[in-house]
């Protein structure tokens, strides 16, 4: 069987757990995290060739090489978390979603929009500011030419602890979703 390779960008990469999860059939073209300690761990785990340690607000589309089938963003949760400040997407940390989204729009303008975007965060994203922050993310995805759907996955399915996470999976509207993969796509 021939090995399939897809390309991806990993934003807010931390130690590179998305890279670990995707495995060797996926090739990381670019990874980014602002935290020097996390970047050092990423480098120890995966090497530093694709990693840019710095603020996502300073990243430009011309720093993103090639075309990525997938863009993954596990943007900071502190302002969306039920235990957090309550600032939501207007907060300094969780508001970095907008810097990520600016990059996706810039890639679209260059005809390099990723086929799939996955956003990972806390379930508080769904209820932050009475649901308005979740609606803002959905509106951005829709207006950016993506179909999307939220999914909550709890680590208790795999580990002896409960840690529910929200995944918002967005697929470009011009990409055919295989029959049976999604129950309905607007």
N, C-alpha and C. Protein backbone atom coordinates (compact mmCIF):
# COMPACT_ATOMS: atom_id res chain seq x y z
N UNK A 1 0.84 -1.17 0.00
CA UNK A 1 0.00 0.00 0.00
C UNK A 1 0.89 1.24 0.00
N UNK A 2 0.55 2.18 -0.86
CA UNK A 2 1.31 3.42 -0.97
C UNK A 2 0.99 4.35 0.19
N UNK A 3 2.01 4.97 0.72
CA UNK A 3 1.86 5.90 1.84
C UNK A 3 1.30 7.23 1.33
N UNK A 4 0.20 7.69 1.91
CA UNK A 4 -0.42 8.95 1.53
C UNK A 4 0.15 10.05 2.42
N UNK A 5 0.51 11.16 1.82
CA UNK A 5 1.02 12.28 2.60
C UNK A 5 0.17 13.51 2.33
N UNK A 6 -0.33 14.07 3.40
CA UNK A 6 -1.06 15.33 3.34
C UNK A 6 -0.25 16.35 4.12
N UNK A 7 -0.41 17.61 3.78
CA UNK A 7 0.33 18.68 4.42
C UNK A 7 -0.56 19.44 5.39
N UNK A 8 0.06 19.98 6.45
CA UNK A 8 -0.71 20.76 7.41
C UNK A 8 0.13 21.84 8.07
N UNK A 9 -0.59 22.85 8.58
CA UNK A 9 -0.03 23.88 9.44
C UNK A 9 -0.59 23.65 10.83
N UNK A 10 0.26 23.83 11.84
CA UNK A 10 -0.17 23.63 13.24
C UNK A 10 0.07 24.92 14.02
N UNK A 11 -1.00 25.60 14.36
CA UNK A 11 -0.92 26.85 15.11
C UNK A 11 -1.18 26.58 16.59
N UNK A 12 -0.49 27.36 17.46
CA UNK A 12 -0.58 27.17 18.91
C UNK A 12 -0.16 25.72 19.21
N UNK A 13 0.99 25.36 18.68
CA UNK A 13 1.41 23.96 18.60
C UNK A 13 1.83 23.32 19.92
N UNK A 14 2.19 24.12 20.91
CA UNK A 14 2.65 23.52 22.16
C UNK A 14 3.78 22.54 21.90
N UNK A 15 3.70 21.36 22.48
CA UNK A 15 4.74 20.35 22.33
C UNK A 15 4.59 19.53 21.06
N UNK A 16 3.53 19.78 20.29
CA UNK A 16 3.34 19.07 19.03
C UNK A 16 2.45 17.85 19.11
N UNK A 17 1.44 17.90 19.97
CA UNK A 17 0.57 16.74 20.12
C UNK A 17 -0.30 16.49 18.89
N UNK A 18 -0.62 17.53 18.14
CA UNK A 18 -1.35 17.32 16.88
C UNK A 18 -0.46 16.55 15.92
N UNK A 19 0.79 16.93 15.87
CA UNK A 19 1.75 16.22 15.02
C UNK A 19 1.84 14.75 15.42
N UNK A 20 1.87 14.49 16.72
CA UNK A 20 1.91 13.12 17.19
C UNK A 20 0.64 12.37 16.79
N UNK A 21 -0.49 13.02 16.93
CA UNK A 21 -1.76 12.38 16.62
C UNK A 21 -1.96 12.12 15.14
N UNK A 22 -1.50 13.02 14.29
CA UNK A 22 -1.69 12.84 12.86
C UNK A 22 -0.80 11.74 12.29
N UNK A 23 0.36 11.57 12.87
CA UNK A 23 1.24 10.49 12.43
C UNK A 23 2.03 10.82 11.18
N UNK A 24 2.70 9.80 10.66
CA UNK A 24 3.65 10.02 9.58
C UNK A 24 3.03 10.10 8.19
N UNK A 25 1.72 9.96 8.09
CA UNK A 25 1.08 10.15 6.79
C UNK A 25 0.76 11.62 6.55
N UNK A 26 1.07 12.44 7.54
CA UNK A 26 0.88 13.89 7.43
C UNK A 26 2.24 14.57 7.55
N UNK A 27 2.45 15.61 6.74
CA UNK A 27 3.71 16.35 6.77
C UNK A 27 3.45 17.77 7.26
N UNK A 28 4.12 18.12 8.35
CA UNK A 28 4.00 19.46 8.91
C UNK A 28 4.83 20.44 8.06
N UNK A 29 4.16 21.45 7.53
CA UNK A 29 4.86 22.48 6.77
C UNK A 29 5.25 23.67 7.64
N UNK A 30 4.47 23.90 8.71
CA UNK A 30 4.68 25.08 9.55
C UNK A 30 4.03 24.83 10.90
N UNK A 31 4.73 25.20 11.95
CA UNK A 31 4.18 25.14 13.30
C UNK A 31 4.54 26.44 14.00
N UNK A 32 3.68 26.85 14.92
CA UNK A 32 3.89 28.13 15.61
C UNK A 32 3.40 28.03 17.04
N UNK A 33 4.20 28.59 17.96
CA UNK A 33 3.77 28.80 19.33
C UNK A 33 4.55 29.99 19.87
N UNK A 34 3.92 30.74 20.76
CA UNK A 34 4.56 31.92 21.32
C UNK A 34 5.46 31.60 22.50
N UNK A 35 5.20 30.48 23.17
CA UNK A 35 5.89 30.14 24.41
C UNK A 35 7.22 29.45 24.13
N UNK A 36 8.32 30.03 24.62
CA UNK A 36 9.66 29.50 24.36
C UNK A 36 9.86 28.11 24.97
N UNK A 37 9.28 27.85 26.14
CA UNK A 37 9.42 26.52 26.76
C UNK A 37 8.69 25.46 25.95
N UNK A 38 7.49 25.79 25.50
CA UNK A 38 6.74 24.85 24.66
C UNK A 38 7.48 24.62 23.34
N UNK A 39 8.02 25.70 22.76
CA UNK A 39 8.77 25.58 21.51
C UNK A 39 10.00 24.71 21.69
N UNK A 40 10.66 24.81 22.84
CA UNK A 40 11.83 23.97 23.11
C UNK A 40 11.43 22.50 23.19
N UNK A 41 10.28 22.24 23.82
CA UNK A 41 9.79 20.86 23.89
C UNK A 41 9.41 20.36 22.50
N UNK A 42 8.75 21.20 21.71
CA UNK A 42 8.40 20.84 20.34
C UNK A 42 9.67 20.47 19.57
N UNK A 43 10.69 21.29 19.71
CA UNK A 43 11.95 21.06 19.00
C UNK A 43 12.60 19.75 19.44
N UNK A 44 12.56 19.46 20.73
CA UNK A 44 13.10 18.17 21.21
C UNK A 44 12.31 17.00 20.65
N UNK A 45 10.98 17.18 20.55
CA UNK A 45 10.13 16.10 20.04
C UNK A 45 10.24 15.90 18.53
N UNK A 46 10.31 17.00 17.78
CA UNK A 46 10.12 16.93 16.33
C UNK A 46 11.20 17.63 15.51
N UNK A 47 12.12 18.29 16.17
CA UNK A 47 13.06 19.13 15.43
C UNK A 47 12.44 20.51 15.25
N UNK A 48 13.24 21.46 14.88
CA UNK A 48 12.75 22.84 14.80
C UNK A 48 12.63 23.40 13.41
N UNK A 49 12.78 22.57 12.39
CA UNK A 49 12.81 23.08 11.02
C UNK A 49 11.53 23.80 10.62
N UNK A 50 10.38 23.31 11.06
CA UNK A 50 9.11 23.92 10.65
C UNK A 50 8.57 24.89 11.69
N UNK A 51 9.22 25.00 12.84
CA UNK A 51 8.68 25.76 13.97
C UNK A 51 9.12 27.22 13.96
N UNK A 52 8.16 28.09 14.14
CA UNK A 52 8.43 29.51 14.36
C UNK A 52 7.94 29.85 15.76
N UNK A 53 8.87 30.17 16.64
CA UNK A 53 8.50 30.58 18.00
C UNK A 53 8.29 32.09 17.97
N UNK A 54 7.04 32.50 18.15
CA UNK A 54 6.72 33.92 18.12
C UNK A 54 5.24 34.14 18.17
N UNK A 55 4.85 35.38 18.29
CA UNK A 55 3.45 35.80 18.40
C UNK A 55 2.73 35.61 17.07
N UNK A 56 1.60 34.94 17.09
CA UNK A 56 0.83 34.72 15.86
C UNK A 56 0.39 36.03 15.22
N UNK A 57 0.27 37.08 16.01
CA UNK A 57 -0.08 38.39 15.47
C UNK A 57 0.99 38.91 14.50
N UNK A 58 2.20 38.38 14.61
CA UNK A 58 3.30 38.81 13.75
C UNK A 58 3.54 37.88 12.57
N UNK A 59 2.83 36.77 12.50
CA UNK A 59 2.99 35.81 11.41
C UNK A 59 2.25 36.32 10.18
N UNK A 60 2.90 36.18 9.02
CA UNK A 60 2.27 36.58 7.76
C UNK A 60 2.11 35.37 6.85
N UNK A 61 1.21 35.48 5.91
CA UNK A 61 0.93 34.36 4.99
C UNK A 61 2.16 33.97 4.19
N UNK A 62 3.04 34.91 3.89
CA UNK A 62 4.23 34.56 3.12
C UNK A 62 5.22 33.70 3.93
N UNK A 63 5.01 33.59 5.24
CA UNK A 63 5.83 32.69 6.06
C UNK A 63 5.29 31.26 6.06
N UNK A 64 4.10 31.07 5.52
CA UNK A 64 3.47 29.75 5.47
C UNK A 64 3.79 29.11 4.12
N UNK A 65 4.65 28.10 4.11
CA UNK A 65 5.09 27.52 2.84
C UNK A 65 4.02 26.65 2.19
N UNK A 66 4.01 26.66 0.88
CA UNK A 66 3.20 25.73 0.11
C UNK A 66 1.71 25.81 0.36
N UNK A 67 1.08 24.66 0.18
CA UNK A 67 -0.36 24.52 0.38
C UNK A 67 -0.59 23.48 1.46
N UNK A 68 -1.44 23.81 2.42
CA UNK A 68 -1.77 22.87 3.50
C UNK A 68 -3.17 22.32 3.29
N UNK A 69 -3.29 21.01 3.33
CA UNK A 69 -4.61 20.38 3.29
C UNK A 69 -5.39 20.71 4.55
N UNK A 70 -4.66 20.89 5.66
CA UNK A 70 -5.27 21.10 6.97
C UNK A 70 -4.56 22.24 7.69
N UNK A 71 -5.34 23.09 8.33
CA UNK A 71 -4.80 24.06 9.28
C UNK A 71 -5.46 23.76 10.63
N UNK A 72 -4.63 23.49 11.63
CA UNK A 72 -5.11 23.15 12.96
C UNK A 72 -4.77 24.28 13.91
N UNK A 73 -5.75 24.72 14.69
CA UNK A 73 -5.51 25.80 15.65
C UNK A 73 -6.11 25.45 17.00
N UNK A 74 -5.25 25.17 17.96
CA UNK A 74 -5.65 24.95 19.34
C UNK A 74 -5.39 26.26 20.10
N UNK A 75 -6.18 27.28 19.76
CA UNK A 75 -5.92 28.61 20.30
C UNK A 75 -6.21 28.67 21.80
N UNK A 76 -5.58 29.60 22.52
CA UNK A 76 -5.68 29.65 23.98
C UNK A 76 -7.12 29.71 24.49
N UNK A 77 -7.33 29.03 25.61
CA UNK A 77 -8.69 28.87 26.14
C UNK A 77 -9.00 29.78 27.34
N UNK A 78 -8.00 30.44 27.90
CA UNK A 78 -8.19 31.11 29.19
C UNK A 78 -9.38 32.07 29.22
N UNK A 79 -9.63 32.79 28.15
CA UNK A 79 -10.71 33.77 28.13
C UNK A 79 -12.07 33.15 27.81
N UNK A 80 -12.08 31.89 27.36
CA UNK A 80 -13.32 31.19 27.02
C UNK A 80 -13.71 30.17 28.08
N UNK A 81 -12.76 29.76 28.89
CA UNK A 81 -12.97 28.75 29.91
C UNK A 81 -13.94 29.24 30.98
N UNK A 82 -14.74 28.32 31.49
CA UNK A 82 -15.65 28.67 32.58
C UNK A 82 -14.89 29.13 33.81
N UNK A 83 -13.63 28.71 33.95
CA UNK A 83 -12.80 29.12 35.08
C UNK A 83 -11.97 30.36 34.75
N UNK A 84 -12.11 30.88 33.55
CA UNK A 84 -11.28 31.99 33.10
C UNK A 84 -11.86 33.36 33.41
N UNK A 85 -11.33 34.35 32.73
CA UNK A 85 -11.67 35.75 32.98
C UNK A 85 -13.03 36.16 32.43
N UNK A 86 -13.54 35.41 31.47
CA UNK A 86 -14.81 35.76 30.85
C UNK A 86 -14.70 36.76 29.72
N UNK A 87 -13.48 37.08 29.30
CA UNK A 87 -13.28 38.07 28.23
C UNK A 87 -13.68 37.52 26.86
N UNK A 88 -13.72 36.21 26.71
CA UNK A 88 -14.11 35.60 25.45
C UNK A 88 -13.14 35.92 24.32
N UNK A 89 -13.66 36.01 23.11
CA UNK A 89 -12.83 36.28 21.94
C UNK A 89 -12.27 37.69 21.92
N UNK A 90 -12.74 38.53 22.83
CA UNK A 90 -12.18 39.88 22.96
C UNK A 90 -10.96 39.88 23.86
N UNK A 91 -10.71 38.77 24.54
CA UNK A 91 -9.58 38.67 25.46
C UNK A 91 -8.25 38.59 24.74
N UNK A 92 -7.20 38.92 25.45
CA UNK A 92 -5.86 38.93 24.87
C UNK A 92 -5.43 37.55 24.41
N UNK A 93 -5.78 36.51 25.18
CA UNK A 93 -5.32 35.16 24.83
C UNK A 93 -6.24 34.49 23.82
N UNK A 94 -7.51 34.30 24.18
CA UNK A 94 -8.43 33.61 23.26
C UNK A 94 -8.69 34.44 22.02
N UNK A 95 -8.51 35.74 22.12
CA UNK A 95 -8.69 36.62 20.97
C UNK A 95 -7.67 36.39 19.87
N UNK A 96 -6.63 35.57 20.16
CA UNK A 96 -5.66 35.25 19.11
C UNK A 96 -6.30 34.40 18.00
N UNK A 97 -7.52 33.91 18.25
CA UNK A 97 -8.25 33.26 17.16
C UNK A 97 -8.31 34.18 15.95
N UNK A 98 -8.52 35.48 16.20
CA UNK A 98 -8.68 36.43 15.09
C UNK A 98 -7.39 36.58 14.28
N UNK A 99 -6.23 36.50 14.91
CA UNK A 99 -4.96 36.54 14.18
C UNK A 99 -4.83 35.29 13.30
N UNK A 100 -5.21 34.13 13.85
CA UNK A 100 -5.23 32.90 13.06
C UNK A 100 -6.17 33.06 11.87
N UNK A 101 -7.36 33.59 12.13
CA UNK A 101 -8.35 33.72 11.06
C UNK A 101 -7.88 34.69 9.98
N UNK A 102 -7.19 35.75 10.37
CA UNK A 102 -6.62 36.69 9.38
C UNK A 102 -5.67 35.94 8.45
N UNK A 103 -4.86 35.05 9.00
CA UNK A 103 -3.96 34.25 8.16
C UNK A 103 -4.74 33.37 7.18
N UNK A 104 -5.84 32.77 7.66
CA UNK A 104 -6.66 31.93 6.77
C UNK A 104 -7.26 32.77 5.65
N UNK A 105 -7.70 33.98 5.97
CA UNK A 105 -8.24 34.87 4.94
C UNK A 105 -7.16 35.28 3.94
N UNK A 106 -5.95 35.54 4.45
CA UNK A 106 -4.85 35.89 3.55
C UNK A 106 -4.52 34.72 2.63
N UNK A 107 -4.54 33.49 3.15
CA UNK A 107 -4.31 32.32 2.30
C UNK A 107 -5.41 32.19 1.25
N UNK A 108 -6.65 32.49 1.62
CA UNK A 108 -7.76 32.45 0.67
C UNK A 108 -7.52 33.45 -0.45
N UNK A 109 -7.08 34.65 -0.08
CA UNK A 109 -6.79 35.68 -1.08
C UNK A 109 -5.69 35.24 -2.05
N UNK A 110 -4.81 34.36 -1.60
CA UNK A 110 -3.71 33.84 -2.43
C UNK A 110 -4.08 32.52 -3.10
N UNK A 111 -5.35 32.11 -3.03
CA UNK A 111 -5.81 30.83 -3.57
C UNK A 111 -5.09 29.66 -2.92
N UNK A 112 -4.80 29.78 -1.61
CA UNK A 112 -4.15 28.71 -0.85
C UNK A 112 -4.95 28.34 0.39
N UNK A 113 -6.25 28.58 0.38
CA UNK A 113 -7.07 28.26 1.55
C UNK A 113 -7.00 26.78 1.84
N UNK A 114 -6.73 26.39 3.10
CA UNK A 114 -6.68 24.96 3.44
C UNK A 114 -8.03 24.29 3.15
N UNK A 115 -7.97 23.03 2.75
CA UNK A 115 -9.21 22.28 2.52
C UNK A 115 -10.01 22.12 3.80
N UNK A 116 -9.31 21.91 4.90
CA UNK A 116 -9.94 21.65 6.19
C UNK A 116 -9.28 22.52 7.26
N UNK A 117 -10.10 23.06 8.15
CA UNK A 117 -9.62 23.77 9.32
C UNK A 117 -10.21 23.06 10.53
N UNK A 118 -9.38 22.80 11.54
CA UNK A 118 -9.87 22.27 12.80
C UNK A 118 -9.49 23.24 13.90
N UNK A 119 -10.49 23.65 14.65
CA UNK A 119 -10.30 24.51 15.82
C UNK A 119 -10.54 23.66 17.05
N UNK A 120 -9.64 23.71 18.00
CA UNK A 120 -9.76 22.92 19.23
C UNK A 120 -9.72 23.86 20.41
N UNK A 121 -10.68 23.68 21.33
CA UNK A 121 -10.73 24.54 22.51
C UNK A 121 -11.62 23.90 23.57
N UNK A 122 -11.88 24.66 24.62
CA UNK A 122 -12.73 24.20 25.71
C UNK A 122 -14.20 24.33 25.32
N UNK A 123 -15.05 23.57 26.00
CA UNK A 123 -16.49 23.62 25.72
C UNK A 123 -17.10 24.96 26.11
N UNK A 124 -16.42 25.72 26.96
CA UNK A 124 -16.89 27.06 27.30
C UNK A 124 -16.99 27.97 26.09
N UNK A 125 -16.33 27.61 25.00
CA UNK A 125 -16.43 28.36 23.74
C UNK A 125 -17.89 28.41 23.27
N UNK A 126 -18.62 27.34 23.54
CA UNK A 126 -20.03 27.27 23.10
C UNK A 126 -20.93 28.25 23.83
N UNK A 127 -20.58 28.56 25.08
CA UNK A 127 -21.47 29.38 25.92
C UNK A 127 -20.91 30.75 26.25
N UNK A 128 -19.66 31.01 25.88
CA UNK A 128 -19.03 32.29 26.19
C UNK A 128 -19.86 33.45 25.63
N UNK A 129 -20.12 34.42 26.50
CA UNK A 129 -20.94 35.59 26.15
C UNK A 129 -22.30 35.17 25.58
N UNK A 130 -22.92 34.22 26.26
CA UNK A 130 -24.25 33.78 25.83
C UNK A 130 -24.27 33.12 24.48
N UNK A 131 -23.15 32.53 24.07
CA UNK A 131 -23.06 31.86 22.77
C UNK A 131 -22.59 32.77 21.64
N UNK A 132 -22.43 34.05 21.92
CA UNK A 132 -22.04 34.99 20.86
C UNK A 132 -20.63 34.73 20.31
N UNK A 133 -19.72 34.28 21.17
CA UNK A 133 -18.37 34.00 20.67
C UNK A 133 -18.37 32.80 19.72
N UNK A 134 -19.13 31.76 20.07
CA UNK A 134 -19.25 30.61 19.17
C UNK A 134 -19.89 31.04 17.85
N UNK A 135 -20.92 31.85 17.93
CA UNK A 135 -21.57 32.34 16.70
C UNK A 135 -20.60 33.15 15.86
N UNK A 136 -19.73 33.93 16.49
CA UNK A 136 -18.75 34.73 15.75
C UNK A 136 -17.77 33.83 15.00
N UNK A 137 -17.34 32.75 15.64
CA UNK A 137 -16.45 31.79 14.98
C UNK A 137 -17.18 31.15 13.79
N UNK A 138 -18.40 30.73 14.02
CA UNK A 138 -19.20 30.09 12.95
C UNK A 138 -19.42 31.05 11.79
N UNK A 139 -19.72 32.29 12.10
CA UNK A 139 -19.93 33.30 11.05
C UNK A 139 -18.65 33.51 10.24
N UNK A 140 -17.51 33.57 10.93
CA UNK A 140 -16.23 33.73 10.23
C UNK A 140 -15.99 32.56 9.28
N UNK A 141 -16.22 31.35 9.77
CA UNK A 141 -16.03 30.16 8.93
C UNK A 141 -16.98 30.17 7.74
N UNK A 142 -18.24 30.47 7.99
CA UNK A 142 -19.23 30.50 6.91
C UNK A 142 -18.88 31.56 5.87
N UNK A 143 -18.58 32.76 6.35
CA UNK A 143 -18.26 33.86 5.43
C UNK A 143 -16.94 33.62 4.72
N UNK A 144 -16.09 32.79 5.30
CA UNK A 144 -14.82 32.44 4.68
C UNK A 144 -14.91 31.30 3.69
N UNK A 145 -16.12 30.78 3.47
CA UNK A 145 -16.31 29.74 2.46
C UNK A 145 -16.20 28.31 2.98
N UNK A 146 -16.48 28.13 4.28
CA UNK A 146 -16.39 26.79 4.88
C UNK A 146 -17.73 26.33 5.41
N UNK A 147 -17.96 25.01 5.30
CA UNK A 147 -19.03 24.34 6.03
C UNK A 147 -18.39 23.84 7.31
N UNK A 148 -19.13 23.76 8.38
CA UNK A 148 -18.50 23.42 9.66
C UNK A 148 -19.49 22.69 10.56
N UNK A 149 -18.93 22.06 11.56
CA UNK A 149 -19.75 21.41 12.57
C UNK A 149 -18.93 21.25 13.85
N UNK A 150 -19.59 21.42 14.99
CA UNK A 150 -18.90 21.23 16.27
C UNK A 150 -19.03 19.79 16.75
N UNK A 151 -18.03 19.36 17.50
CA UNK A 151 -18.02 18.03 18.06
C UNK A 151 -17.34 18.12 19.42
N UNK A 152 -17.96 17.53 20.44
CA UNK A 152 -17.34 17.48 21.76
C UNK A 152 -16.82 16.07 21.97
N UNK A 153 -15.54 15.97 22.31
CA UNK A 153 -14.90 14.69 22.58
C UNK A 153 -14.33 14.76 23.99
N UNK A 154 -14.62 13.75 24.79
CA UNK A 154 -14.13 13.71 26.16
C UNK A 154 -13.00 12.69 26.25
N UNK A 155 -11.90 13.11 26.86
CA UNK A 155 -10.74 12.20 27.03
C UNK A 155 -11.13 10.94 27.80
N UNK A 156 -12.24 10.97 28.53
CA UNK A 156 -12.69 9.79 29.28
C UNK A 156 -12.96 8.61 28.34
N UNK A 157 -13.14 8.87 27.07
CA UNK A 157 -13.31 7.78 26.11
C UNK A 157 -12.02 6.99 25.90
N UNK A 158 -10.88 7.62 26.24
CA UNK A 158 -9.58 7.01 25.99
C UNK A 158 -8.71 6.86 27.23
N UNK A 159 -8.96 7.70 28.25
CA UNK A 159 -8.10 7.79 29.44
C UNK A 159 -8.95 7.76 30.71
N UNK A 160 -8.34 7.50 31.85
CA UNK A 160 -9.10 7.51 33.10
C UNK A 160 -9.28 8.92 33.69
N UNK A 161 -9.65 9.87 32.84
CA UNK A 161 -9.95 11.23 33.30
C UNK A 161 -10.95 11.86 32.34
N UNK A 162 -11.72 12.80 32.83
CA UNK A 162 -12.66 13.51 31.98
C UNK A 162 -12.07 14.86 31.62
N UNK A 163 -11.96 15.11 30.34
CA UNK A 163 -11.48 16.39 29.83
C UNK A 163 -12.16 16.64 28.50
N UNK A 164 -13.40 17.16 28.55
CA UNK A 164 -14.11 17.42 27.30
C UNK A 164 -13.45 18.54 26.50
N UNK A 165 -13.35 18.34 25.19
CA UNK A 165 -12.77 19.34 24.30
C UNK A 165 -13.73 19.56 23.14
N UNK A 166 -13.81 20.80 22.71
CA UNK A 166 -14.61 21.17 21.56
C UNK A 166 -13.73 21.16 20.32
N UNK A 167 -14.17 20.46 19.31
CA UNK A 167 -13.52 20.49 18.00
C UNK A 167 -14.52 21.07 17.01
N UNK A 168 -14.13 22.08 16.30
CA UNK A 168 -14.95 22.62 15.22
C UNK A 168 -14.22 22.25 13.94
N UNK A 169 -14.85 21.41 13.15
CA UNK A 169 -14.26 20.93 11.90
C UNK A 169 -14.93 21.69 10.76
N UNK A 170 -14.10 22.34 9.95
CA UNK A 170 -14.61 23.14 8.83
C UNK A 170 -13.99 22.64 7.54
N UNK A 171 -14.83 22.45 6.53
CA UNK A 171 -14.39 21.96 5.23
C UNK A 171 -14.80 23.01 4.19
N UNK A 172 -13.85 23.33 3.32
CA UNK A 172 -14.16 24.31 2.26
C UNK A 172 -15.40 23.85 1.49
N UNK A 173 -16.22 24.81 1.13
CA UNK A 173 -17.49 24.50 0.47
C UNK A 173 -17.31 23.81 -0.88
N UNK A 174 -16.17 24.01 -1.53
CA UNK A 174 -15.96 23.38 -2.84
C UNK A 174 -15.36 21.97 -2.74
N UNK A 175 -15.13 21.49 -1.54
CA UNK A 175 -14.59 20.15 -1.32
C UNK A 175 -15.74 19.19 -1.09
N UNK A 176 -15.78 18.09 -1.82
CA UNK A 176 -16.85 17.11 -1.65
C UNK A 176 -16.57 16.29 -0.39
N UNK A 177 -17.58 16.21 0.46
CA UNK A 177 -17.50 15.39 1.66
C UNK A 177 -18.06 14.02 1.30
N UNK A 178 -17.31 12.95 1.52
CA UNK A 178 -17.78 11.61 1.15
C UNK A 178 -19.13 11.28 1.79
N UNK A 179 -19.97 10.60 1.05
CA UNK A 179 -21.27 10.18 1.58
C UNK A 179 -21.06 9.37 2.85
N UNK A 180 -21.92 9.63 3.83
CA UNK A 180 -21.88 8.90 5.07
C UNK A 180 -20.92 9.48 6.12
N UNK A 181 -20.03 10.38 5.70
CA UNK A 181 -19.10 10.96 6.65
C UNK A 181 -19.78 12.00 7.54
N UNK A 182 -20.70 12.73 6.97
CA UNK A 182 -21.44 13.75 7.73
C UNK A 182 -22.93 13.53 7.50
N UNK A 183 -23.69 13.70 8.56
CA UNK A 183 -25.13 13.47 8.44
C UNK A 183 -25.80 14.57 7.64
N UNK A 184 -25.34 15.81 7.79
CA UNK A 184 -25.87 16.91 6.98
C UNK A 184 -24.85 18.04 6.96
N UNK A 185 -24.75 18.66 5.85
CA UNK A 185 -23.85 19.80 5.70
C UNK A 185 -24.61 20.92 5.01
N UNK A 186 -24.73 22.07 5.71
CA UNK A 186 -25.47 23.19 5.09
C UNK A 186 -24.76 23.74 3.88
